[in-house]
């Protein structure tokens, strides 16, 4: 009898006539464990290329006229982009029961699941939205005085000191020249 430890806590005893049979059995068990762990992650991540392409074609044929080529919406038909927070199963059920508008029987069952998976992965999910339209990061430049005021304001909030006046935030002046403090003020903001 061969004993193979898959982990130090739980040995699995395998009865095998040879080491090759035991090794193939261990491989099968590991494949099963890995497969089961993947099923918990996301059905979208496991979508085959052929299924993804079929979902894309169904979307192009049945959905793009109303929702736009990239689910951005079509003015006068469905103005809003297709985004939201429904899970894939609920979204699939909704598509299965109601889409395409006017003839929901055209997209049922497996077709509804494929088009929903494509839509979710490509446009609908938060991850897809961030991938398609990443946030822009802009740096703001402050003068030394603005920086010092911001630090003072921040420190005051931690000390529990009351504000010294009603004004809060930055006071800014924009001039019509590049030199600091010279030229005519163009804009002043508080």
N, C-alpha and C. Protein backbone atom coordinates (compact mmCIF):
# COMPACT_ATOMS: atom_id res chain seq x y z
N UNK A 1 0.84 -1.17 0.00
CA UNK A 1 0.00 0.00 0.00
C UNK A 1 0.89 1.23 0.00
N UNK A 2 0.62 2.18 -0.92
CA UNK A 2 1.37 3.43 -1.01
C UNK A 2 0.61 4.52 -0.27
N UNK A 3 1.30 5.34 0.50
CA UNK A 3 0.69 6.47 1.18
C UNK A 3 1.27 7.73 0.56
N UNK A 4 0.39 8.58 0.06
CA UNK A 4 0.82 9.82 -0.58
C UNK A 4 0.20 10.97 0.21
N UNK A 5 1.03 11.87 0.69
CA UNK A 5 0.53 13.02 1.45
C UNK A 5 0.30 14.19 0.50
N UNK A 6 -0.97 14.61 0.39
CA UNK A 6 -1.26 15.82 -0.39
C UNK A 6 -1.04 17.05 0.47
N UNK A 7 -1.18 16.92 1.74
CA UNK A 7 -0.81 17.98 2.67
C UNK A 7 -0.33 17.30 3.93
N UNK A 8 0.36 18.01 4.75
CA UNK A 8 0.92 17.38 5.93
C UNK A 8 -0.15 17.01 6.95
N UNK A 9 -1.31 17.64 6.87
CA UNK A 9 -2.37 17.39 7.85
C UNK A 9 -3.23 16.18 7.51
N UNK A 10 -3.48 15.95 6.23
CA UNK A 10 -4.42 14.92 5.81
C UNK A 10 -3.82 13.98 4.78
N UNK A 11 -3.24 12.87 5.23
CA UNK A 11 -2.70 11.92 4.24
C UNK A 11 -3.83 11.18 3.54
N UNK A 12 -3.67 10.94 2.29
CA UNK A 12 -4.64 10.15 1.52
C UNK A 12 -3.97 8.83 1.21
N UNK A 13 -4.61 7.74 1.58
CA UNK A 13 -4.04 6.42 1.35
C UNK A 13 -4.54 5.89 0.01
N UNK A 14 -3.63 5.54 -0.80
CA UNK A 14 -3.96 5.00 -2.11
C UNK A 14 -3.45 3.57 -2.20
N UNK A 15 -4.30 2.70 -2.65
CA UNK A 15 -3.89 1.31 -2.85
C UNK A 15 -3.60 1.17 -4.33
N UNK A 16 -2.37 0.88 -4.63
CA UNK A 16 -1.98 0.78 -6.02
C UNK A 16 -0.97 -0.34 -6.18
N UNK A 17 -1.02 -0.97 -7.34
CA UNK A 17 -0.07 -2.06 -7.58
C UNK A 17 1.26 -1.52 -8.06
N UNK A 18 1.27 -0.29 -8.55
CA UNK A 18 2.54 0.26 -8.99
C UNK A 18 2.56 1.76 -8.71
N UNK A 19 3.73 2.34 -8.75
CA UNK A 19 3.89 3.78 -8.52
C UNK A 19 3.27 4.60 -9.63
N UNK A 20 3.22 4.07 -10.87
CA UNK A 20 2.67 4.80 -12.00
C UNK A 20 1.17 5.03 -11.82
N UNK A 21 0.46 4.01 -11.33
CA UNK A 21 -0.98 4.15 -11.11
C UNK A 21 -1.23 5.18 -10.02
N UNK A 22 -0.43 5.12 -8.96
CA UNK A 22 -0.58 6.07 -7.86
C UNK A 22 -0.30 7.49 -8.35
N UNK A 23 0.73 7.66 -9.17
CA UNK A 23 1.07 8.98 -9.68
C UNK A 23 -0.04 9.54 -10.57
N UNK A 24 -0.63 8.70 -11.42
CA UNK A 24 -1.71 9.19 -12.29
C UNK A 24 -2.95 9.51 -11.47
N UNK A 25 -3.20 8.75 -10.41
CA UNK A 25 -4.33 9.02 -9.54
C UNK A 25 -4.13 10.35 -8.80
N UNK A 26 -2.93 10.60 -8.33
CA UNK A 26 -2.63 11.87 -7.68
C UNK A 26 -2.81 13.02 -8.66
N UNK A 27 -2.38 12.84 -9.90
CA UNK A 27 -2.56 13.88 -10.92
C UNK A 27 -4.03 14.18 -11.13
N UNK A 28 -4.85 13.13 -11.18
CA UNK A 28 -6.29 13.32 -11.35
C UNK A 28 -6.90 14.07 -10.17
N UNK A 29 -6.46 13.74 -8.98
CA UNK A 29 -6.98 14.41 -7.78
C UNK A 29 -6.60 15.89 -7.80
N UNK A 30 -5.35 16.18 -8.15
CA UNK A 30 -4.92 17.58 -8.21
C UNK A 30 -5.69 18.34 -9.29
N UNK A 31 -5.94 17.70 -10.42
CA UNK A 31 -6.72 18.36 -11.48
C UNK A 31 -8.13 18.66 -10.99
N UNK A 32 -8.71 17.72 -10.24
CA UNK A 32 -10.04 17.92 -9.69
C UNK A 32 -10.04 19.06 -8.68
N UNK A 33 -9.05 19.09 -7.80
CA UNK A 33 -8.96 20.16 -6.80
C UNK A 33 -8.81 21.51 -7.47
N UNK A 34 -7.93 21.60 -8.45
CA UNK A 34 -7.71 22.86 -9.16
C UNK A 34 -8.97 23.25 -9.93
N UNK A 35 -9.61 22.30 -10.57
CA UNK A 35 -10.86 22.58 -11.30
C UNK A 35 -11.95 23.08 -10.39
N UNK A 36 -12.09 22.48 -9.22
CA UNK A 36 -13.10 22.92 -8.27
C UNK A 36 -12.79 24.31 -7.73
N UNK A 37 -11.53 24.61 -7.54
CA UNK A 37 -11.19 25.94 -7.04
C UNK A 37 -11.46 27.00 -8.11
N UNK A 38 -11.31 26.65 -9.38
CA UNK A 38 -11.58 27.62 -10.44
C UNK A 38 -13.06 27.89 -10.61
N UNK A 39 -13.92 26.91 -10.35
CA UNK A 39 -15.35 27.12 -10.54
C UNK A 39 -15.87 28.16 -9.58
N UNK A 40 -15.22 28.37 -8.48
CA UNK A 40 -15.67 29.38 -7.54
C UNK A 40 -15.27 30.79 -7.93
N UNK A 41 -14.32 30.94 -8.85
CA UNK A 41 -13.84 32.28 -9.18
C UNK A 41 -14.83 33.02 -10.05
N UNK A 42 -14.99 32.60 -11.29
CA UNK A 42 -15.89 33.32 -12.17
C UNK A 42 -16.15 32.50 -13.42
N UNK A 43 -17.39 32.43 -13.77
CA UNK A 43 -17.75 31.72 -15.00
C UNK A 43 -17.22 32.48 -16.20
N UNK A 44 -17.09 33.79 -16.07
CA UNK A 44 -16.61 34.61 -17.17
C UNK A 44 -15.15 34.30 -17.48
N UNK A 45 -14.35 34.08 -16.44
CA UNK A 45 -12.93 33.83 -16.64
C UNK A 45 -12.70 32.55 -17.42
N UNK A 46 -13.66 31.62 -17.36
CA UNK A 46 -13.49 30.33 -18.01
C UNK A 46 -14.16 30.29 -19.39
N UNK A 47 -14.72 31.40 -19.82
CA UNK A 47 -15.42 31.43 -21.09
C UNK A 47 -14.46 31.12 -22.23
N UNK A 48 -14.79 30.13 -23.01
CA UNK A 48 -13.93 29.72 -24.13
C UNK A 48 -13.96 30.79 -25.22
N UNK A 49 -12.90 30.84 -26.01
CA UNK A 49 -12.82 31.81 -27.09
C UNK A 49 -13.98 31.68 -28.06
N UNK A 50 -14.36 30.46 -28.38
CA UNK A 50 -15.48 30.23 -29.32
C UNK A 50 -16.78 30.76 -28.74
N UNK A 51 -17.00 30.52 -27.44
CA UNK A 51 -18.21 31.03 -26.80
C UNK A 51 -18.20 32.55 -26.74
N UNK A 52 -17.05 33.12 -26.45
CA UNK A 52 -16.92 34.58 -26.40
C UNK A 52 -17.25 35.17 -27.77
N UNK A 53 -16.70 34.57 -28.82
CA UNK A 53 -16.95 35.05 -30.19
C UNK A 53 -18.42 34.91 -30.55
N UNK A 54 -19.04 33.81 -30.17
CA UNK A 54 -20.48 33.62 -30.44
C UNK A 54 -21.30 34.67 -29.69
N UNK A 55 -20.95 34.95 -28.44
CA UNK A 55 -21.64 36.00 -27.68
C UNK A 55 -21.48 37.36 -28.34
N UNK A 56 -20.27 37.63 -28.86
CA UNK A 56 -20.02 38.89 -29.56
C UNK A 56 -20.88 39.00 -30.81
N UNK A 57 -20.99 37.89 -31.57
CA UNK A 57 -21.82 37.91 -32.78
C UNK A 57 -23.30 38.12 -32.45
N UNK A 58 -23.78 37.46 -31.42
CA UNK A 58 -25.18 37.62 -31.01
C UNK A 58 -25.42 39.07 -30.60
N UNK A 59 -24.49 39.65 -29.85
CA UNK A 59 -24.63 41.05 -29.45
C UNK A 59 -24.67 41.95 -30.67
N UNK A 60 -23.77 41.72 -31.63
CA UNK A 60 -23.73 42.56 -32.83
C UNK A 60 -25.02 42.45 -33.64
N UNK A 61 -25.60 41.26 -33.72
CA UNK A 61 -26.82 41.06 -34.50
C UNK A 61 -28.07 41.54 -33.78
N UNK A 62 -28.17 41.28 -32.48
CA UNK A 62 -29.44 41.51 -31.79
C UNK A 62 -29.45 42.72 -30.86
N UNK A 63 -28.30 43.18 -30.43
CA UNK A 63 -28.28 44.20 -29.37
C UNK A 63 -27.68 45.54 -29.80
N UNK A 64 -26.72 45.51 -30.71
CA UNK A 64 -25.96 46.71 -31.04
C UNK A 64 -26.82 47.81 -31.65
N UNK A 65 -27.90 47.47 -32.33
CA UNK A 65 -28.76 48.50 -32.92
C UNK A 65 -29.34 49.43 -31.86
N UNK A 66 -29.71 48.90 -30.71
CA UNK A 66 -30.30 49.71 -29.64
C UNK A 66 -29.28 50.19 -28.61
N UNK A 67 -28.27 49.36 -28.33
CA UNK A 67 -27.34 49.66 -27.25
C UNK A 67 -25.99 50.17 -27.72
N UNK A 68 -25.74 50.18 -29.01
CA UNK A 68 -24.48 50.68 -29.53
C UNK A 68 -23.45 49.58 -29.68
N UNK A 69 -22.50 49.81 -30.56
CA UNK A 69 -21.48 48.82 -30.87
C UNK A 69 -20.64 48.45 -29.64
N UNK A 70 -20.41 49.44 -28.78
CA UNK A 70 -19.62 49.20 -27.57
C UNK A 70 -20.45 49.43 -26.32
N UNK A 71 -21.75 49.18 -26.40
CA UNK A 71 -22.70 49.31 -25.28
C UNK A 71 -22.73 50.72 -24.71
N UNK A 72 -22.43 51.70 -25.57
CA UNK A 72 -22.41 53.09 -25.12
C UNK A 72 -23.78 53.75 -25.17
N UNK A 73 -24.76 53.06 -25.75
CA UNK A 73 -26.10 53.62 -25.89
C UNK A 73 -26.27 54.26 -27.25
N UNK A 74 -27.51 54.35 -27.70
CA UNK A 74 -27.83 54.96 -28.98
C UNK A 74 -28.83 56.08 -28.71
N UNK A 75 -28.51 57.27 -29.16
CA UNK A 75 -29.35 58.42 -28.91
C UNK A 75 -30.75 58.21 -29.50
N UNK A 76 -31.75 58.43 -28.68
CA UNK A 76 -33.14 58.29 -29.10
C UNK A 76 -33.69 56.89 -28.96
N UNK A 77 -32.84 55.89 -28.79
CA UNK A 77 -33.31 54.52 -28.64
C UNK A 77 -33.09 54.07 -27.20
N UNK A 78 -31.84 53.99 -26.80
CA UNK A 78 -31.46 53.66 -25.43
C UNK A 78 -30.23 54.51 -25.14
N UNK A 79 -30.47 55.67 -24.54
CA UNK A 79 -29.43 56.69 -24.39
C UNK A 79 -28.31 56.32 -23.43
N UNK A 80 -28.59 55.53 -22.42
CA UNK A 80 -27.60 55.23 -21.37
C UNK A 80 -26.68 54.09 -21.78
N UNK A 81 -25.43 54.15 -21.32
CA UNK A 81 -24.53 53.01 -21.56
C UNK A 81 -24.97 51.81 -20.72
N UNK A 82 -24.63 50.62 -21.18
CA UNK A 82 -24.96 49.40 -20.45
C UNK A 82 -23.93 49.16 -19.37
N UNK A 83 -24.19 49.67 -18.21
CA UNK A 83 -23.34 49.45 -17.05
C UNK A 83 -24.24 49.20 -15.86
N UNK A 84 -23.70 48.58 -14.84
CA UNK A 84 -24.51 48.33 -13.66
C UNK A 84 -23.80 47.43 -12.68
N UNK A 85 -24.59 46.92 -11.74
CA UNK A 85 -24.00 46.09 -10.70
C UNK A 85 -24.74 44.77 -10.51
N UNK A 86 -25.55 44.38 -11.46
CA UNK A 86 -26.21 43.07 -11.36
C UNK A 86 -25.19 41.95 -11.56
N UNK A 87 -25.34 40.86 -10.83
CA UNK A 87 -24.48 39.70 -11.10
C UNK A 87 -24.84 39.09 -12.46
N UNK A 88 -23.95 38.28 -12.99
CA UNK A 88 -24.13 37.70 -14.32
C UNK A 88 -25.43 36.89 -14.40
N UNK A 89 -25.74 36.11 -13.36
CA UNK A 89 -26.94 35.27 -13.40
C UNK A 89 -28.21 36.10 -13.52
N UNK A 90 -28.30 37.18 -12.73
CA UNK A 90 -29.50 38.03 -12.79
C UNK A 90 -29.58 38.76 -14.12
N UNK A 91 -28.44 39.24 -14.60
CA UNK A 91 -28.42 39.92 -15.89
C UNK A 91 -28.81 38.96 -17.00
N UNK A 92 -28.32 37.75 -16.94
CA UNK A 92 -28.66 36.73 -17.94
C UNK A 92 -30.16 36.41 -17.91
N UNK A 93 -30.71 36.31 -16.73
CA UNK A 93 -32.15 36.05 -16.59
C UNK A 93 -32.96 37.19 -17.19
N UNK A 94 -32.52 38.43 -16.93
CA UNK A 94 -33.20 39.60 -17.48
C UNK A 94 -33.15 39.60 -19.01
N UNK A 95 -31.97 39.32 -19.56
CA UNK A 95 -31.81 39.27 -21.02
C UNK A 95 -32.67 38.15 -21.60
N UNK A 96 -32.68 37.00 -20.95
CA UNK A 96 -33.46 35.85 -21.41
C UNK A 96 -34.96 36.17 -21.47
N UNK A 97 -35.46 36.94 -20.52
CA UNK A 97 -36.89 37.22 -20.44
C UNK A 97 -37.33 38.43 -21.25
N UNK A 98 -36.45 39.39 -21.49
CA UNK A 98 -36.92 40.66 -22.07
C UNK A 98 -36.22 41.13 -23.34
N UNK A 99 -35.11 40.56 -23.71
CA UNK A 99 -34.34 41.09 -24.83
C UNK A 99 -34.32 40.13 -26.01
N UNK A 100 -34.20 40.63 -27.21
CA UNK A 100 -34.28 42.02 -27.62
C UNK A 100 -35.71 42.54 -27.49
N UNK A 101 -35.81 43.82 -27.25
CA UNK A 101 -37.11 44.43 -27.04
C UNK A 101 -38.00 44.21 -28.27
N UNK A 102 -39.20 43.78 -28.02
CA UNK A 102 -40.14 43.51 -29.11
C UNK A 102 -40.17 42.06 -29.53
N UNK A 103 -39.09 41.34 -29.38
CA UNK A 103 -39.08 39.91 -29.73
C UNK A 103 -38.13 39.15 -28.81
N UNK A 104 -38.50 39.03 -27.52
CA UNK A 104 -37.61 38.37 -26.57
C UNK A 104 -37.39 36.88 -26.84
N UNK A 105 -38.22 36.29 -27.69
CA UNK A 105 -38.03 34.87 -28.00
C UNK A 105 -36.81 34.63 -28.90
N UNK A 106 -36.23 35.70 -29.46
CA UNK A 106 -35.06 35.55 -30.33
C UNK A 106 -33.77 35.24 -29.58
N UNK A 107 -33.73 35.55 -28.30
CA UNK A 107 -32.50 35.34 -27.52
C UNK A 107 -32.86 34.62 -26.23
N UNK A 108 -32.85 33.31 -26.28
CA UNK A 108 -33.25 32.49 -25.14
C UNK A 108 -32.15 31.52 -24.75
N UNK A 109 -32.20 31.06 -23.51
CA UNK A 109 -31.33 29.98 -23.04
C UNK A 109 -29.86 30.24 -23.19
N UNK A 110 -29.19 29.34 -23.92
CA UNK A 110 -27.74 29.41 -24.07
C UNK A 110 -27.30 30.70 -24.78
N UNK A 111 -28.10 31.14 -25.77
CA UNK A 111 -27.75 32.39 -26.46
C UNK A 111 -27.77 33.57 -25.50
N UNK A 112 -28.77 33.62 -24.64
CA UNK A 112 -28.86 34.70 -23.65
C UNK A 112 -27.68 34.65 -22.70
N UNK A 113 -27.28 33.45 -22.29
CA UNK A 113 -26.13 33.32 -21.39
C UNK A 113 -24.84 33.77 -22.07
N UNK A 114 -24.66 33.39 -23.34
CA UNK A 114 -23.44 33.76 -24.06
C UNK A 114 -23.35 35.27 -24.28
N UNK A 115 -24.46 35.88 -24.71
CA UNK A 115 -24.44 37.32 -24.96
C UNK A 115 -24.27 38.09 -23.65
N UNK A 116 -24.86 37.58 -22.58
CA UNK A 116 -24.70 38.23 -21.28
C UNK A 116 -23.26 38.12 -20.79
N UNK A 117 -22.66 36.97 -20.95
CA UNK A 117 -21.26 36.79 -20.53
C UNK A 117 -20.35 37.72 -21.33
N UNK A 118 -20.59 37.82 -22.64
CA UNK A 118 -19.81 38.73 -23.48
C UNK A 118 -20.01 40.18 -23.03
N UNK A 119 -21.27 40.56 -22.84
CA UNK A 119 -21.59 41.92 -22.42
C UNK A 119 -20.96 42.24 -21.07
N UNK A 120 -21.08 41.32 -20.13
CA UNK A 120 -20.55 41.53 -18.78
C UNK A 120 -19.03 41.69 -18.82
N UNK A 121 -18.38 40.80 -19.54
CA UNK A 121 -16.92 40.83 -19.59
C UNK A 121 -16.39 42.02 -20.37
N UNK A 122 -17.11 42.43 -21.40
CA UNK A 122 -16.60 43.48 -22.28
C UNK A 122 -16.99 44.89 -21.86
N UNK A 123 -18.19 45.08 -21.29
CA UNK A 123 -18.68 46.43 -21.05
C UNK A 123 -19.34 46.65 -19.69
N UNK A 124 -20.09 45.70 -19.19
CA UNK A 124 -21.02 45.91 -18.09
C UNK A 124 -20.35 45.98 -16.72
N UNK A 125 -19.44 45.08 -16.43
CA UNK A 125 -18.86 44.97 -15.09
C UNK A 125 -17.99 46.18 -14.76
N UNK A 126 -17.75 46.38 -13.50
CA UNK A 126 -16.91 47.49 -13.04
C UNK A 126 -15.49 47.34 -13.59
N UNK A 127 -14.99 46.12 -13.62
CA UNK A 127 -13.65 45.88 -14.16
C UNK A 127 -13.58 46.25 -15.64
N UNK A 128 -14.63 45.91 -16.40
CA UNK A 128 -14.66 46.25 -17.83
C UNK A 128 -14.74 47.76 -18.01
N UNK A 129 -15.53 48.42 -17.18
CA UNK A 129 -15.65 49.88 -17.27
C UNK A 129 -14.31 50.55 -17.02
N UNK A 130 -13.60 50.08 -16.00
CA UNK A 130 -12.29 50.65 -15.70
C UNK A 130 -11.28 50.34 -16.80
N UNK A 131 -11.37 49.17 -17.37
CA UNK A 131 -10.47 48.79 -18.46
C UNK A 131 -10.75 49.63 -19.71
N UNK A 132 -12.02 49.87 -20.02
CA UNK A 132 -12.39 50.61 -21.22
C UNK A 132 -12.21 52.12 -21.08
N UNK A 133 -12.37 52.63 -19.86
CA UNK A 133 -12.24 54.06 -19.63
C UNK A 133 -11.47 54.29 -18.34
N UNK A 134 -10.15 54.12 -18.37
CA UNK A 134 -9.37 54.25 -17.13
C UNK A 134 -9.42 55.67 -16.60
N UNK A 135 -9.39 55.82 -15.29
CA UNK A 135 -9.42 57.17 -14.71
C UNK A 135 -8.15 57.94 -15.06
N UNK A 136 -8.32 59.23 -15.24
CA UNK A 136 -7.17 60.08 -15.53
C UNK A 136 -6.66 60.66 -14.23
N UNK A 137 -5.37 60.66 -14.09
CA UNK A 137 -4.76 61.22 -12.88
C UNK A 137 -4.09 62.52 -13.27
N UNK A 138 -4.52 63.58 -12.63
CA UNK A 138 -3.91 64.87 -12.90
C UNK A 138 -3.23 65.35 -11.63
N UNK A 139 -2.05 65.90 -11.80
CA UNK A 139 -1.34 66.45 -10.67
C UNK A 139 -1.62 67.93 -10.59
N UNK A 140 -1.75 68.41 -9.40
CA UNK A 140 -2.00 69.82 -9.25
C UNK A 140 -0.78 70.45 -8.60
N UNK A 141 -0.43 71.59 -9.08
CA UNK A 141 0.75 72.28 -8.56
C UNK A 141 0.30 73.42 -7.67
N UNK A 142 0.91 73.51 -6.54
CA UNK A 142 0.56 74.53 -5.57
C UNK A 142 1.78 75.41 -5.31
N UNK A 143 1.51 76.64 -4.94
CA UNK A 143 2.61 77.52 -4.53
C UNK A 143 3.03 77.11 -3.13
N UNK A 144 4.15 77.62 -2.69
CA UNK A 144 4.63 77.30 -1.34
C UNK A 144 3.61 77.74 -0.30
N UNK A 145 3.05 78.92 -0.48
CA UNK A 145 2.04 79.43 0.46
C UNK A 145 0.80 78.55 0.49
N UNK A 146 0.34 78.11 -0.66
CA UNK A 146 -0.83 77.23 -0.72
C UNK A 146 -0.55 75.90 -0.01
N UNK A 147 0.65 75.38 -0.24
CA UNK A 147 1.03 74.13 0.40
C UNK A 147 1.07 74.30 1.91
N UNK A 148 1.67 75.38 2.39
CA UNK A 148 1.76 75.62 3.83
C UNK A 148 0.37 75.77 4.44
N UNK A 149 -0.52 76.49 3.78
CA UNK A 149 -1.89 76.62 4.27
C UNK A 149 -2.60 75.28 4.33
N UNK A 150 -2.41 74.46 3.32
CA UNK A 150 -3.05 73.14 3.30
C UNK A 150 -2.54 72.27 4.44
N UNK A 151 -1.24 72.30 4.69
CA UNK A 151 -0.67 71.52 5.79
C UNK A 151 -1.18 72.05 7.13
N UNK A 152 -1.24 73.38 7.28
CA UNK A 152 -1.77 73.95 8.53
C UNK A 152 -3.22 73.50 8.75
N UNK A 153 -4.02 73.59 7.70
CA UNK A 153 -5.42 73.17 7.82
C UNK A 153 -5.53 71.71 8.20
N UNK A 154 -4.69 70.89 7.62
CA UNK A 154 -4.71 69.46 7.92
C UNK A 154 -4.30 69.20 9.36
N UNK A 155 -3.25 69.86 9.82
CA UNK A 155 -2.78 69.68 11.20
C UNK A 155 -3.85 70.15 12.18
N UNK A 156 -4.53 71.24 11.87
CA UNK A 156 -5.59 71.75 12.75
C UNK A 156 -6.69 70.72 12.94
N UNK A 157 -7.01 69.97 11.91
CA UNK A 157 -8.09 68.99 12.04
C UNK A 157 -7.70 67.88 13.00
N UNK A 158 -6.40 67.53 13.08
CA UNK A 158 -5.96 66.49 14.00
C UNK A 158 -5.83 67.00 15.44
N UNK A 159 -5.52 68.25 15.59
CA UNK A 159 -5.38 68.82 16.93
C UNK A 159 -6.73 69.11 17.56
N UNK A 160 -7.75 69.20 16.75
CA UNK A 160 -9.07 69.54 17.27
C UNK A 160 -9.23 71.03 17.46
N UNK A 161 -8.32 71.81 16.91
CA UNK A 161 -8.41 73.27 17.03
C UNK A 161 -9.54 73.77 16.15
N UNK A 162 -10.26 74.76 16.61
CA UNK A 162 -11.30 75.34 15.76
C UNK A 162 -10.68 76.13 14.62
N UNK A 163 -11.44 76.30 13.58
CA UNK A 163 -10.97 77.10 12.45
C UNK A 163 -10.85 78.55 12.90
N UNK A 164 -9.89 79.24 12.36
CA UNK A 164 -9.68 80.62 12.77
C UNK A 164 -10.65 81.57 12.09
N UNK A 165 -11.23 81.17 11.03
CA UNK A 165 -12.18 82.03 10.32
C UNK A 165 -13.18 81.20 9.55
N UNK A 166 -14.04 81.87 8.84
CA UNK A 166 -15.05 81.17 8.06
C UNK A 166 -14.49 80.67 6.72
N UNK A 167 -13.41 81.29 6.26
CA UNK A 167 -12.83 80.89 4.98
C UNK A 167 -12.11 79.56 5.10
N UNK A 168 -12.34 78.70 4.15
CA UNK A 168 -11.65 77.42 4.10
C UNK A 168 -11.17 77.18 2.68
N UNK A 169 -10.20 76.33 2.52
CA UNK A 169 -9.72 75.99 1.20
C UNK A 169 -8.62 76.91 0.73
N UNK A 170 -8.39 76.91 -0.57
CA UNK A 170 -7.31 77.69 -1.16
C UNK A 170 -7.84 79.01 -1.72
N UNK A 171 -7.03 80.01 -1.60
CA UNK A 171 -7.30 81.25 -2.29
C UNK A 171 -6.29 81.30 -3.43
N UNK A 172 -6.76 81.47 -4.64
CA UNK A 172 -5.85 81.44 -5.79
C UNK A 172 -6.02 82.68 -6.64
N UNK A 173 -4.93 83.12 -7.20
CA UNK A 173 -4.93 84.23 -8.15
C UNK A 173 -4.18 83.77 -9.39
N UNK A 174 -4.76 84.07 -10.54
CA UNK A 174 -4.11 83.75 -11.81
C UNK A 174 -3.77 85.07 -12.50
N UNK A 175 -2.53 85.14 -12.99
CA UNK A 175 -2.04 86.36 -13.61
C UNK A 175 -1.82 86.13 -15.10
N UNK A 176 -1.73 87.26 -15.82
CA UNK A 176 -1.53 87.16 -17.27
C UNK A 176 -0.06 87.04 -17.65
N UNK A 177 0.82 86.78 -16.69
CA UNK A 177 2.24 86.57 -17.01
C UNK A 177 2.73 85.31 -16.31
N UNK A 178 3.89 84.84 -16.71
CA UNK A 178 4.43 83.62 -16.13
C UNK A 178 5.14 83.86 -14.80
N UNK A 179 5.58 85.08 -14.55
CA UNK A 179 6.32 85.36 -13.32
C UNK A 179 5.34 85.47 -12.17
N UNK A 180 5.69 84.85 -11.06
CA UNK A 180 4.85 84.83 -9.88
C UNK A 180 4.65 86.23 -9.31
N UNK A 181 3.41 86.64 -9.17
CA UNK A 181 3.09 87.92 -8.55
C UNK A 181 3.23 89.12 -9.45
N UNK A 182 3.67 88.94 -10.67
CA UNK A 182 3.79 90.09 -11.57
C UNK A 182 2.69 90.01 -12.62
N UNK A 183 2.42 91.10 -13.23
CA UNK A 183 1.36 91.14 -14.23
C UNK A 183 0.02 91.48 -13.60
N UNK A 184 -0.99 91.47 -14.44
CA UNK A 184 -2.33 91.83 -14.02
C UNK A 184 -3.09 90.58 -13.58
N UNK A 185 -3.79 90.60 -12.41
CA UNK A 185 -4.59 89.45 -12.03
C UNK A 185 -5.73 89.22 -13.03
N UNK A 186 -5.90 87.99 -13.47
CA UNK A 186 -6.95 87.65 -14.43
C UNK A 186 -8.13 87.01 -13.72
N UNK A 187 -7.85 86.06 -12.83
CA UNK A 187 -8.91 85.34 -12.11
C UNK A 187 -8.49 85.24 -10.66
N UNK A 188 -9.45 85.43 -9.75
CA UNK A 188 -9.19 85.20 -8.34
C UNK A 188 -10.28 84.30 -7.82
N UNK A 189 -9.91 83.20 -7.17
CA UNK A 189 -10.87 82.22 -6.64
C UNK A 189 -10.63 82.01 -5.18
N UNK A 190 -11.70 81.70 -4.49
CA UNK A 190 -11.61 81.35 -3.07
C UNK A 190 -12.17 80.00 -2.85
